[in-house]
C-alpha cells in the first residue's frame, strides 16, 4: 500500500473462523482506506462476509462457477494453476479473472510446491488475455525475470514480511515493473 502494493490477499490457514472474520474485516477497512484491491484466499464465503474485492481459489477450494454464484459478477476470482497452462486455459474458460502460476523459486511458505519455469509465463501471455500472477519464493533480486516473462503481478510473503523495512521492500518490488516495462 504505502510501498506500492496494488493488491493485498488475506491468507490464513490456521486461524479459527471468528479470528479470520475479524482479521478480514480489519484488512478490508485498511485496503479500502488505501484504495487497494483486497482478495481473500481459499474462502469465497469469507470474501463475501468481509466485502472483499475478490477471492482466490486453489486446487481444493471449489469450482469457479460455485464461487461466482456466491461472490457475484462484480468481484474478482483468481485461480492457482501451479505449473499447468492447461489449468489456466480451463480457469479462464470457466470465468477466472486472473490466473496464478508457481512456485517459481524455493519457498519457505510452501516448501513442497510444484516448480514452474519462467517460460510458462511467456506461453500463457501469448494465449491468455487475463492478468498473470507469479508466486513462490519471489524477491526483488529474482522477480524481474518473471515480470519480463509476462507476469502482471508478483505474489510475495517472505520477501516483505521478513524485511527490516517492509515499505522499502515493497517499493523495490514495485520498481521491477517500471524497470522491466518502461512507459
C-alpha atoms as a PDB file:
ATOM      1  CA  UNK A   1       0.000   0.000   0.000  1.00  0.00           C
ATOM      2  CA  UNK A   2       2.420   2.737   1.081  1.00  0.00           C
ATOM      3  CA  UNK A   3       5.162   0.720  -0.594  1.00  0.00           C
ATOM      4  CA  UNK A   4       3.239   0.450  -3.856  1.00  0.00           C
ATOM      5  CA  UNK A   5       1.202  -2.728  -3.402  1.00  0.00           C
ATOM      6  CA  UNK A   6      -1.886  -2.662  -5.597  1.00  0.00           C
ATOM      7  CA  UNK A   7      -3.461  -5.842  -4.208  1.00  0.00           C
ATOM      8  CA  UNK A   8      -3.467  -7.420  -0.749  1.00  0.00           C
ATOM      9  CA  UNK A   9      -4.513 -11.022  -0.309  1.00  0.00           C
ATOM     10  CA  UNK A  10      -5.622 -12.366   3.061  1.00  0.00           C
ATOM     11  CA  UNK A  11      -4.253 -15.878   3.537  1.00  0.00           C
ATOM     12  CA  UNK A  12      -4.656 -17.560   6.897  1.00  0.00           C
ATOM     13  CA  UNK A  13      -4.526 -21.332   7.081  1.00  0.00           C
ATOM     14  CA  UNK A  14      -4.621 -21.779  10.866  1.00  0.00           C
ATOM     15  CA  UNK A  15      -6.894 -19.138  12.428  1.00  0.00           C
ATOM     16  CA  UNK A  16     -10.380 -20.084  13.557  1.00  0.00           C
ATOM     17  CA  UNK A  17     -13.443 -18.700  11.762  1.00  0.00           C
ATOM     18  CA  UNK A  18     -14.038 -15.847  14.214  1.00  0.00           C
ATOM     19  CA  UNK A  19     -10.441 -14.639  14.002  1.00  0.00           C
ATOM     20  CA  UNK A  20     -10.430 -14.912  10.209  1.00  0.00           C
ATOM     21  CA  UNK A  21     -13.601 -12.828  10.070  1.00  0.00           C
ATOM     22  CA  UNK A  22     -12.146 -10.214  12.413  1.00  0.00           C
ATOM     23  CA  UNK A  23      -8.849 -10.042  10.554  1.00  0.00           C
ATOM     24  CA  UNK A  24     -10.609  -9.994   7.201  1.00  0.00           C
ATOM     25  CA  UNK A  25     -12.801  -7.079   8.242  1.00  0.00           C
ATOM     26  CA  UNK A  26      -9.810  -5.141   9.558  1.00  0.00           C
ATOM     27  CA  UNK A  27      -7.855  -5.705   6.344  1.00  0.00           C
ATOM     28  CA  UNK A  28     -10.882  -4.779   4.235  1.00  0.00           C
ATOM     29  CA  UNK A  29     -11.171  -1.470   6.091  1.00  0.00           C
ATOM     30  CA  UNK A  30      -7.458  -0.756   5.678  1.00  0.00           C
ATOM     31  CA  UNK A  31      -7.352  -1.686   1.987  1.00  0.00           C
ATOM     32  CA  UNK A  32     -10.435   0.395   1.289  1.00  0.00           C
ATOM     33  CA  UNK A  33      -8.839   3.369   3.081  1.00  0.00           C
ATOM     34  CA  UNK A  34      -5.698   2.944   0.958  1.00  0.00           C
ATOM     35  CA  UNK A  35      -7.527   2.294  -2.309  1.00  0.00           C
ATOM     36  CA  UNK A  36      -6.051  -1.194  -2.701  1.00  0.00           C
ATOM     37  CA  UNK A  37      -7.780  -4.295  -4.078  1.00  0.00           C
ATOM     38  CA  UNK A  38      -8.496  -6.866  -1.344  1.00  0.00           C
ATOM     39  CA  UNK A  39      -8.615 -10.586  -2.141  1.00  0.00           C
ATOM     40  CA  UNK A  40      -9.483 -13.417   0.263  1.00  0.00           C
ATOM     41  CA  UNK A  41      -7.658 -16.690  -0.278  1.00  0.00           C
ATOM     42  CA  UNK A  42      -9.421 -20.077  -0.194  1.00  0.00           C
ATOM     43  CA  UNK A  43     -12.791 -18.956   1.169  1.00  0.00           C
ATOM     44  CA  UNK A  44     -15.457 -17.361  -1.035  1.00  0.00           C
ATOM     45  CA  UNK A  45     -17.932 -17.156   1.862  1.00  0.00           C
ATOM     46  CA  UNK A  46     -15.443 -15.170   3.933  1.00  0.00           C
ATOM     47  CA  UNK A  47     -14.763 -12.976   0.918  1.00  0.00           C
ATOM     48  CA  UNK A  48     -18.443 -12.068   0.714  1.00  0.00           C
ATOM     49  CA  UNK A  49     -18.737 -11.633   4.504  1.00  0.00           C
ATOM     50  CA  UNK A  50     -15.939  -9.050   4.575  1.00  0.00           C
ATOM     51  CA  UNK A  51     -16.945  -7.426   1.262  1.00  0.00           C
ATOM     52  CA  UNK A  52     -13.632  -8.312  -0.383  1.00  0.00           C
ATOM     53  CA  UNK A  53     -12.996  -7.297  -3.966  1.00  0.00           C
ATOM     54  CA  UNK A  54     -12.456 -10.926  -4.849  1.00  0.00           C
ATOM     55  CA  UNK A  55     -11.399 -14.415  -3.916  1.00  0.00           C
ATOM     56  CA  UNK A  56      -8.542 -16.677  -4.881  1.00  0.00           C
ATOM     57  CA  UNK A  57      -9.110 -20.400  -5.359  1.00  0.00           C
ATOM     58  CA  UNK A  58      -6.562 -23.183  -5.097  1.00  0.00           C
ATOM     59  CA  UNK A  59      -6.979 -26.746  -6.286  1.00  0.00           C
ATOM     60  CA  UNK A  60      -9.034 -27.774  -3.253  1.00  0.00           C
ATOM     61  CA  UNK A  61     -11.122 -24.608  -2.851  1.00  0.00           C
ATOM     62  CA  UNK A  62     -14.111 -25.410  -5.016  1.00  0.00           C
ATOM     63  CA  UNK A  63     -15.313 -24.710  -8.515  1.00  0.00           C
ATOM     64  CA  UNK A  64     -15.173 -21.321 -10.192  1.00  0.00           C
ATOM     65  CA  UNK A  65     -18.887 -21.466 -11.034  1.00  0.00           C
ATOM     66  CA  UNK A  66     -19.825 -22.047  -7.386  1.00  0.00           C
ATOM     67  CA  UNK A  67     -17.576 -19.205  -6.254  1.00  0.00           C
ATOM     68  CA  UNK A  68     -19.015 -16.912  -8.947  1.00  0.00           C
ATOM     69  CA  UNK A  69     -22.551 -17.729  -7.829  1.00  0.00           C
ATOM     70  CA  UNK A  70     -21.576 -16.800  -4.288  1.00  0.00           C
ATOM     71  CA  UNK A  71     -19.467 -13.679  -4.882  1.00  0.00           C
ATOM     72  CA  UNK A  72     -21.354 -12.306  -7.880  1.00  0.00           C
ATOM     73  CA  UNK A  73     -20.266 -10.920 -11.197  1.00  0.00           C
ATOM     74  CA  UNK A  74     -18.591  -7.788  -9.825  1.00  0.00           C
ATOM     75  CA  UNK A  75     -15.952  -9.489  -7.671  1.00  0.00           C
ATOM     76  CA  UNK A  76     -12.701 -10.923  -8.955  1.00  0.00           C
ATOM     77  CA  UNK A  77     -11.940 -14.626  -8.991  1.00  0.00           C
ATOM     78  CA  UNK A  78      -8.366 -15.784  -9.302  1.00  0.00           C
ATOM     79  CA  UNK A  79      -7.204 -19.360  -9.655  1.00  0.00           C
ATOM     80  CA  UNK A  80      -3.951 -21.122  -8.813  1.00  0.00           C
ATOM     81  CA  UNK A  81      -2.734 -23.010 -11.870  1.00  0.00           C
ATOM     82  CA  UNK A  82       0.614 -24.139 -10.444  1.00  0.00           C
ATOM     83  CA  UNK A  83       2.789 -25.132 -13.414  1.00  0.00           C
ATOM     84  CA  UNK A  84      -0.016 -26.106 -15.786  1.00  0.00           C
ATOM     85  CA  UNK A  85      -1.067 -23.923 -18.680  1.00  0.00           C
ATOM     86  CA  UNK A  86      -3.987 -26.296 -19.342  1.00  0.00           C
ATOM     87  CA  UNK A  87      -5.402 -25.480 -15.896  1.00  0.00           C
ATOM     88  CA  UNK A  88      -5.123 -21.784 -16.709  1.00  0.00           C
ATOM     89  CA  UNK A  89      -6.922 -22.229 -20.016  1.00  0.00           C
ATOM     90  CA  UNK A  90      -9.721 -24.076 -18.240  1.00  0.00           C
ATOM     91  CA  UNK A  91      -9.904 -21.495 -15.469  1.00  0.00           C
ATOM     92  CA  UNK A  92     -10.192 -18.615 -17.935  1.00  0.00           C
ATOM     93  CA  UNK A  93     -12.815 -20.521 -19.907  1.00  0.00           C
ATOM     94  CA  UNK A  94     -14.751 -21.060 -16.641  1.00  0.00           C
ATOM     95  CA  UNK A  95     -14.660 -17.343 -15.843  1.00  0.00           C
ATOM     96  CA  UNK A  96     -11.480 -16.665 -13.854  1.00  0.00           C
ATOM     97  CA  UNK A  97     -10.458 -13.023 -13.888  1.00  0.00           C
ATOM     98  CA  UNK A  98      -6.771 -13.805 -13.328  1.00  0.00           C
ATOM     99  CA  UNK A  99      -4.560 -16.870 -13.012  1.00  0.00           C
ATOM    100  CA  UNK A 100      -1.544 -17.551 -10.814  1.00  0.00           C
ATOM    101  CA  UNK A 101       1.451 -19.746 -11.576  1.00  0.00           C
ATOM    102  CA  UNK A 102       4.251 -21.002  -9.353  1.00  0.00           C
ATOM    103  CA  UNK A 103       6.282 -21.752  -7.406  1.00  0.00           C
ATOM    104  CA  UNK A 104       8.987 -20.170  -9.497  1.00  0.00           C
ATOM    105  CA  UNK A 105      11.585 -20.316  -6.734  1.00  0.00           C
ATOM    106  CA  UNK A 106      12.033 -22.234  -3.500  1.00  0.00           C
ATOM    107  CA  UNK A 107       9.620 -21.020  -0.845  1.00  0.00           C
ATOM    108  CA  UNK A 108       9.691 -21.434   2.909  1.00  0.00           C
ATOM    109  CA  UNK A 109       5.897 -20.949   2.942  1.00  0.00           C
ATOM    110  CA  UNK A 110       5.254 -23.888   0.599  1.00  0.00           C
ATOM    111  CA  UNK A 111       8.466 -25.933   0.521  1.00  0.00           C
ATOM    112  CA  UNK A 112       6.862 -28.819  -1.400  1.00  0.00           C
ATOM    113  CA  UNK A 113       5.206 -26.683  -4.080  1.00  0.00           C
ATOM    114  CA  UNK A 114       5.478 -27.768  -7.692  1.00  0.00           C
ATOM    115  CA  UNK A 115       8.092 -25.909  -9.698  1.00  0.00           C
ATOM    116  CA  UNK A 116       7.138 -23.595 -12.535  1.00  0.00           C
ATOM    117  CA  UNK A 117       9.532 -22.178 -15.108  1.00  0.00           C
ATOM    118  CA  UNK A 118       9.500 -18.545 -16.302  1.00  0.00           C
ATOM    119  CA  UNK A 119       8.817 -19.626 -19.891  1.00  0.00           C
ATOM    120  CA  UNK A 120       5.379 -20.761 -18.670  1.00  0.00           C
ATOM    121  CA  UNK A 121       4.533 -17.083 -18.232  1.00  0.00           C
ATOM    122  CA  UNK A 122       5.630 -16.369 -21.809  1.00  0.00           C
ATOM    123  CA  UNK A 123       3.430 -19.173 -23.122  1.00  0.00           C
ATOM    124  CA  UNK A 124       0.490 -18.015 -21.001  1.00  0.00           C
ATOM    125  CA  UNK A 125       0.962 -14.403 -22.115  1.00  0.00           C
ATOM    126  CA  UNK A 126       0.701 -15.482 -25.763  1.00  0.00           C
ATOM    127  CA  UNK A 127      -2.543 -17.379 -25.144  1.00  0.00           C
ATOM    128  CA  UNK A 128      -4.415 -15.699 -22.311  1.00  0.00           C
ATOM    129  CA  UNK A 129      -5.829 -12.215 -22.025  1.00  0.00           C
ATOM    130  CA  UNK A 130      -6.263 -12.201 -18.233  1.00  0.00           C
ATOM    131  CA  UNK A 131      -3.649 -10.929 -15.771  1.00  0.00           C
ATOM    132  CA  UNK A 132      -0.916 -13.397 -14.807  1.00  0.00           C
ATOM    133  CA  UNK A 133       0.361 -13.635 -11.243  1.00  0.00           C
ATOM    134  CA  UNK A 134       3.701 -15.238 -10.358  1.00  0.00           C
ATOM    135  CA  UNK A 135       4.170 -16.777  -6.923  1.00  0.00           C
ATOM    136  CA  UNK A 136       6.745 -18.690  -4.946  1.00  0.00           C
ATOM    137  CA  UNK A 137       9.993 -17.514  -3.393  1.00  0.00           C
ATOM    138  CA  UNK A 138       9.956 -14.205  -5.226  1.00  0.00           C
ATOM    139  CA  UNK A 139      12.332 -11.454  -4.168  1.00  0.00           C
ATOM    140  CA  UNK A 140      13.435  -8.149  -5.623  1.00  0.00           C
ATOM    141  CA  UNK A 141      16.539  -9.888  -6.981  1.00  0.00           C
ATOM    142  CA  UNK A 142      14.708 -12.654  -8.876  1.00  0.00           C
ATOM    143  CA  UNK A 143      11.359 -11.053  -9.672  1.00  0.00           C
ATOM    144  CA  UNK A 144      12.469  -9.013 -12.685  1.00  0.00           C
ATOM    145  CA  UNK A 145      12.808 -12.103 -14.850  1.00  0.00           C
ATOM    146  CA  UNK A 146       9.189 -13.011 -14.081  1.00  0.00           C
ATOM    147  CA  UNK A 147       7.945  -9.528 -14.958  1.00  0.00           C
ATOM    148  CA  UNK A 148       9.957  -9.670 -18.192  1.00  0.00           C
ATOM    149  CA  UNK A 149       8.451 -13.095 -18.939  1.00  0.00           C
ATOM    150  CA  UNK A 150       4.923 -11.678 -18.672  1.00  0.00           C
ATOM    151  CA  UNK A 151       3.839 -11.558 -15.021  1.00  0.00           C
ATOM    152  CA  UNK A 152       1.410  -8.731 -14.305  1.00  0.00           C
ATOM    153  CA  UNK A 153       1.812  -9.186 -10.558  1.00  0.00           C
ATOM    154  CA  UNK A 154       4.183 -10.813  -8.096  1.00  0.00           C
ATOM    155  CA  UNK A 155       2.677 -12.516  -5.055  1.00  0.00           C
ATOM    156  CA  UNK A 156       5.103 -12.238  -2.154  1.00  0.00           C
ATOM    157  CA  UNK A 157       5.071 -13.028   1.527  1.00  0.00           C
ATOM    158  CA  UNK A 158       8.527 -13.647   2.963  1.00  0.00           C
ATOM    159  CA  UNK A 159      10.393 -11.043   0.938  1.00  0.00           C
ATOM    160  CA  UNK A 160       8.121  -8.422   2.501  1.00  0.00           C
ATOM    161  CA  UNK A 161       7.359  -9.647   5.976  1.00  0.00           C
ATOM    162  CA  UNK A 162      10.892 -10.805   6.731  1.00  0.00           C
ATOM    163  CA  UNK A 163      12.328  -7.469   5.584  1.00  0.00           C
ATOM    164  CA  UNK A 164      13.663  -4.995   8.106  1.00  0.00           C
ATOM    165  CA  UNK A 165      11.790  -2.239   6.241  1.00  0.00           C
ATOM    166  CA  UNK A 166       8.581  -3.615   4.703  1.00  0.00           C
ATOM    167  CA  UNK A 167       7.728  -0.379   2.895  1.00  0.00           C
ATOM    168  CA  UNK A 168      11.166  -0.187   1.253  1.00  0.00           C
ATOM    169  CA  UNK A 169      10.963  -3.866   0.268  1.00  0.00           C
ATOM    170  CA  UNK A 170       7.546  -3.291  -1.323  1.00  0.00           C
ATOM    171  CA  UNK A 171       8.819  -0.245  -3.197  1.00  0.00           C
ATOM    172  CA  UNK A 172      11.763  -2.243  -4.506  1.00  0.00           C
ATOM    173  CA  UNK A 173       9.414  -4.927  -5.828  1.00  0.00           C
ATOM    174  CA  UNK A 174       7.109  -2.322  -7.372  1.00  0.00           C
ATOM    175  CA  UNK A 175      10.110  -0.798  -9.146  1.00  0.00           C
ATOM    176  CA  UNK A 176      10.634  -4.073 -11.033  1.00  0.00           C
ATOM    177  CA  UNK A 177       7.563  -3.323 -13.151  1.00  0.00           C
ATOM    178  CA  UNK A 178       8.795   0.130 -14.144  1.00  0.00           C
ATOM    179  CA  UNK A 179      12.264  -1.219 -14.968  1.00  0.00           C
ATOM    180  CA  UNK A 180      11.048  -4.259 -16.920  1.00  0.00           C
ATOM    181  CA  UNK A 181       8.276  -2.400 -18.757  1.00  0.00           C
ATOM    182  CA  UNK A 182       9.241   1.245 -19.144  1.00  0.00           C
ATOM    183  CA  UNK A 183       6.455   3.507 -20.376  1.00  0.00           C
END
